N, C-alpha and C. Protein backbone atom coordinates (compact mmCIF):
# COMPACT_ATOMS: atom_id res chain seq x y z
N MET A 1 -166.47 13.47 111.00
CA MET A 1 -165.67 14.60 110.62
C MET A 1 -165.38 14.49 109.13
N LEU A 2 -165.48 15.60 108.44
CA LEU A 2 -165.11 15.66 107.03
C LEU A 2 -163.75 16.33 106.94
N ARG A 3 -162.90 15.76 106.09
CA ARG A 3 -161.54 16.29 105.95
C ARG A 3 -161.14 16.32 104.49
N ARG A 4 -160.62 17.45 104.03
CA ARG A 4 -160.08 17.52 102.67
C ARG A 4 -158.67 16.96 102.70
N VAL A 5 -158.37 16.12 101.70
CA VAL A 5 -157.07 15.46 101.65
C VAL A 5 -156.51 15.54 100.24
N LYS A 6 -155.26 15.96 100.13
CA LYS A 6 -154.54 15.91 98.85
C LYS A 6 -153.64 14.68 98.92
N VAL A 7 -153.81 13.79 97.95
CA VAL A 7 -153.08 12.52 97.94
C VAL A 7 -151.95 12.58 96.92
N ILE A 8 -150.78 12.13 97.35
CA ILE A 8 -149.63 12.02 96.47
C ILE A 8 -149.30 10.53 96.38
N PRO A 9 -149.77 9.86 95.30
CA PRO A 9 -149.56 8.41 95.18
C PRO A 9 -148.14 8.07 94.73
N ARG A 10 -147.85 6.77 94.74
CA ARG A 10 -146.54 6.23 94.32
C ARG A 10 -145.39 6.85 95.12
N SER A 11 -145.59 7.06 96.40
CA SER A 11 -144.54 7.60 97.26
C SER A 11 -143.77 6.44 97.90
N ALA A 12 -142.69 6.77 98.56
CA ALA A 12 -141.87 5.73 99.19
C ALA A 12 -142.62 5.03 100.32
N ARG A 13 -143.45 5.78 101.04
CA ARG A 13 -144.20 5.20 102.16
C ARG A 13 -145.45 6.04 102.42
N ASN A 14 -146.33 5.50 103.24
CA ASN A 14 -147.55 6.22 103.63
C ASN A 14 -147.21 7.15 104.79
N GLU A 15 -147.51 8.43 104.62
CA GLU A 15 -147.25 9.38 105.70
C GLU A 15 -148.00 10.68 105.46
N ILE A 16 -148.32 11.37 106.55
CA ILE A 16 -148.90 12.71 106.49
C ILE A 16 -147.73 13.67 106.43
N ILE A 17 -147.73 14.56 105.42
CA ILE A 17 -146.58 15.46 105.27
C ILE A 17 -146.91 16.90 105.63
N GLY A 18 -148.13 17.16 106.06
CA GLY A 18 -148.47 18.51 106.50
C GLY A 18 -149.83 18.96 106.01
N GLU A 19 -150.02 20.27 106.08
CA GLU A 19 -151.28 20.88 105.65
C GLU A 19 -150.99 22.01 104.69
N MET A 20 -151.92 22.20 103.77
CA MET A 20 -151.85 23.32 102.85
C MET A 20 -152.42 24.55 103.57
N ALA A 21 -152.27 25.71 102.99
CA ALA A 21 -152.73 26.95 103.61
C ALA A 21 -154.22 26.93 103.93
N ASP A 22 -155.03 26.21 103.13
CA ASP A 22 -156.47 26.16 103.36
C ASP A 22 -156.90 25.06 104.32
N GLY A 23 -155.94 24.38 104.95
CA GLY A 23 -156.26 23.33 105.91
C GLY A 23 -156.34 21.93 105.32
N THR A 24 -156.15 21.80 104.02
CA THR A 24 -156.18 20.49 103.37
C THR A 24 -154.97 19.68 103.81
N MET A 25 -155.22 18.46 104.28
CA MET A 25 -154.16 17.57 104.71
C MET A 25 -153.44 17.00 103.49
N LYS A 26 -152.11 16.99 103.50
CA LYS A 26 -151.33 16.39 102.43
C LYS A 26 -150.83 15.02 102.90
N VAL A 27 -151.13 13.99 102.11
CA VAL A 27 -150.78 12.62 102.49
C VAL A 27 -150.07 11.93 101.34
N LYS A 28 -148.92 11.32 101.64
CA LYS A 28 -148.22 10.49 100.67
C LYS A 28 -148.71 9.05 100.85
N ILE A 29 -148.99 8.40 99.73
CA ILE A 29 -149.46 7.01 99.74
C ILE A 29 -148.57 6.21 98.80
N ALA A 30 -148.12 5.04 99.24
CA ALA A 30 -147.21 4.22 98.45
C ALA A 30 -147.90 3.57 97.25
N ALA A 31 -149.17 3.30 97.35
CA ALA A 31 -149.89 2.59 96.29
C ALA A 31 -150.05 3.46 95.04
N PRO A 32 -150.11 2.82 93.87
CA PRO A 32 -150.33 3.57 92.63
C PRO A 32 -151.81 3.95 92.47
N PRO A 33 -152.09 5.00 91.69
CA PRO A 33 -153.49 5.42 91.50
C PRO A 33 -154.16 4.60 90.39
N GLU A 34 -154.16 3.30 90.54
CA GLU A 34 -154.73 2.40 89.54
C GLU A 34 -155.77 1.50 90.19
N LYS A 35 -156.92 1.41 89.57
CA LYS A 35 -157.99 0.51 90.02
C LYS A 35 -158.34 0.71 91.50
N GLY A 36 -158.27 1.95 91.98
CA GLY A 36 -158.66 2.26 93.35
C GLY A 36 -157.66 1.87 94.42
N LYS A 37 -156.46 1.43 94.03
CA LYS A 37 -155.47 0.99 95.02
C LYS A 37 -155.05 2.12 95.96
N ALA A 38 -154.81 3.31 95.42
CA ALA A 38 -154.41 4.44 96.27
C ALA A 38 -155.54 4.86 97.20
N ASN A 39 -156.79 4.84 96.71
CA ASN A 39 -157.93 5.19 97.55
C ASN A 39 -158.07 4.20 98.70
N HIS A 40 -157.92 2.92 98.40
CA HIS A 40 -158.02 1.88 99.43
C HIS A 40 -156.91 2.06 100.48
N ALA A 41 -155.70 2.29 100.00
CA ALA A 41 -154.57 2.49 100.92
C ALA A 41 -154.76 3.75 101.76
N LEU A 42 -155.30 4.81 101.14
CA LEU A 42 -155.57 6.04 101.89
C LEU A 42 -156.56 5.79 103.02
N CYS A 43 -157.65 5.10 102.72
CA CYS A 43 -158.66 4.82 103.75
C CYS A 43 -158.08 3.97 104.88
N ASN A 44 -157.28 2.97 104.53
CA ASN A 44 -156.64 2.14 105.56
C ASN A 44 -155.70 2.98 106.42
N PHE A 45 -154.91 3.83 105.78
CA PHE A 45 -153.95 4.66 106.50
C PHE A 45 -154.66 5.65 107.44
N LEU A 46 -155.70 6.31 106.94
CA LEU A 46 -156.42 7.27 107.78
C LEU A 46 -157.15 6.58 108.93
N ALA A 47 -157.68 5.39 108.69
CA ALA A 47 -158.34 4.64 109.77
C ALA A 47 -157.34 4.32 110.88
N GLU A 48 -156.16 3.92 110.49
CA GLU A 48 -155.12 3.63 111.49
C GLU A 48 -154.68 4.91 112.20
N HIS A 49 -154.49 5.98 111.45
CA HIS A 49 -154.04 7.25 112.03
C HIS A 49 -155.05 7.80 113.04
N TYR A 50 -156.33 7.78 112.68
CA TYR A 50 -157.37 8.32 113.57
C TYR A 50 -157.92 7.28 114.55
N ARG A 51 -157.41 6.06 114.48
CA ARG A 51 -157.81 4.97 115.38
C ARG A 51 -159.32 4.70 115.32
N VAL A 52 -159.80 4.54 114.10
CA VAL A 52 -161.20 4.16 113.88
C VAL A 52 -161.21 2.90 113.02
N ALA A 53 -162.35 2.25 112.94
CA ALA A 53 -162.49 1.07 112.10
C ALA A 53 -162.37 1.47 110.63
N ARG A 54 -161.85 0.58 109.81
CA ARG A 54 -161.68 0.86 108.39
C ARG A 54 -163.01 1.24 107.74
N GLY A 55 -164.10 0.65 108.17
CA GLY A 55 -165.41 0.95 107.61
C GLY A 55 -165.91 2.34 107.94
N GLU A 56 -165.25 3.03 108.86
CA GLU A 56 -165.65 4.39 109.24
C GLU A 56 -164.92 5.47 108.44
N VAL A 57 -164.12 5.06 107.46
CA VAL A 57 -163.42 6.01 106.60
C VAL A 57 -163.91 5.80 105.17
N THR A 58 -164.53 6.83 104.62
CA THR A 58 -165.05 6.73 103.25
C THR A 58 -164.69 7.99 102.47
N ILE A 59 -164.48 7.81 101.19
CA ILE A 59 -164.22 8.93 100.30
C ILE A 59 -165.57 9.43 99.80
N VAL A 60 -165.89 10.67 100.12
CA VAL A 60 -167.17 11.27 99.75
C VAL A 60 -167.12 11.78 98.32
N SER A 61 -166.02 12.44 97.95
CA SER A 61 -165.87 12.93 96.58
C SER A 61 -164.40 12.95 96.21
N GLY A 62 -164.14 12.95 94.90
CA GLY A 62 -162.78 13.00 94.42
C GLY A 62 -162.16 11.64 94.21
N HIS A 63 -162.97 10.64 93.92
CA HIS A 63 -162.47 9.27 93.77
C HIS A 63 -161.35 9.15 92.75
N SER A 64 -161.39 9.93 91.69
CA SER A 64 -160.36 9.83 90.66
C SER A 64 -159.49 11.09 90.60
N ALA A 65 -159.51 11.89 91.63
CA ALA A 65 -158.73 13.13 91.68
C ALA A 65 -157.74 13.08 92.84
N ALA A 66 -156.74 13.93 92.78
CA ALA A 66 -155.77 14.01 93.87
C ALA A 66 -156.39 14.66 95.11
N LEU A 67 -157.31 15.58 94.91
CA LEU A 67 -157.97 16.27 96.02
C LEU A 67 -159.27 15.55 96.35
N LYS A 68 -159.40 15.08 97.58
CA LYS A 68 -160.54 14.27 97.98
C LYS A 68 -161.21 14.85 99.22
N LEU A 69 -162.47 14.54 99.38
CA LEU A 69 -163.20 14.85 100.60
C LEU A 69 -163.46 13.50 101.27
N VAL A 70 -162.97 13.36 102.51
CA VAL A 70 -163.02 12.07 103.20
C VAL A 70 -163.82 12.23 104.49
N ARG A 71 -164.73 11.28 104.74
CA ARG A 71 -165.47 11.24 106.00
C ARG A 71 -164.75 10.26 106.92
N ILE A 72 -164.45 10.73 108.13
CA ILE A 72 -163.77 9.90 109.12
C ILE A 72 -164.68 9.80 110.33
N GLY A 73 -165.04 8.59 110.71
CA GLY A 73 -165.95 8.36 111.81
C GLY A 73 -167.35 8.09 111.28
N ASN A 74 -168.25 7.75 112.18
CA ASN A 74 -169.61 7.46 111.72
C ASN A 74 -170.38 8.75 111.52
N GLU A 75 -171.51 8.66 110.85
CA GLU A 75 -172.28 9.87 110.49
C GLU A 75 -172.77 10.66 111.70
N ALA A 76 -172.97 10.00 112.82
CA ALA A 76 -173.45 10.70 114.01
C ALA A 76 -172.39 11.66 114.53
N ASP A 77 -171.11 11.40 114.25
CA ASP A 77 -170.03 12.25 114.73
C ASP A 77 -169.78 13.43 113.82
N SER A 78 -170.34 13.43 112.61
CA SER A 78 -170.02 14.48 111.63
C SER A 78 -170.60 15.81 111.99
């Protein structure tokens, strides 16, 4: 599954705070957006939320942007 995600780094805790009008998931992440820390924390958080292995969550695009396209699950499920 591909999911658009808007990330809000440096938050108090990791949590999903809702969806935007276009269906983009809004997620708060505690980690700072430095050296990939927020991306790593986002992938860990989404893997736990969707109950998949950490290796099954990858950022497809938007590595250095707040708006990201994330693949959740293996490619056969997409």
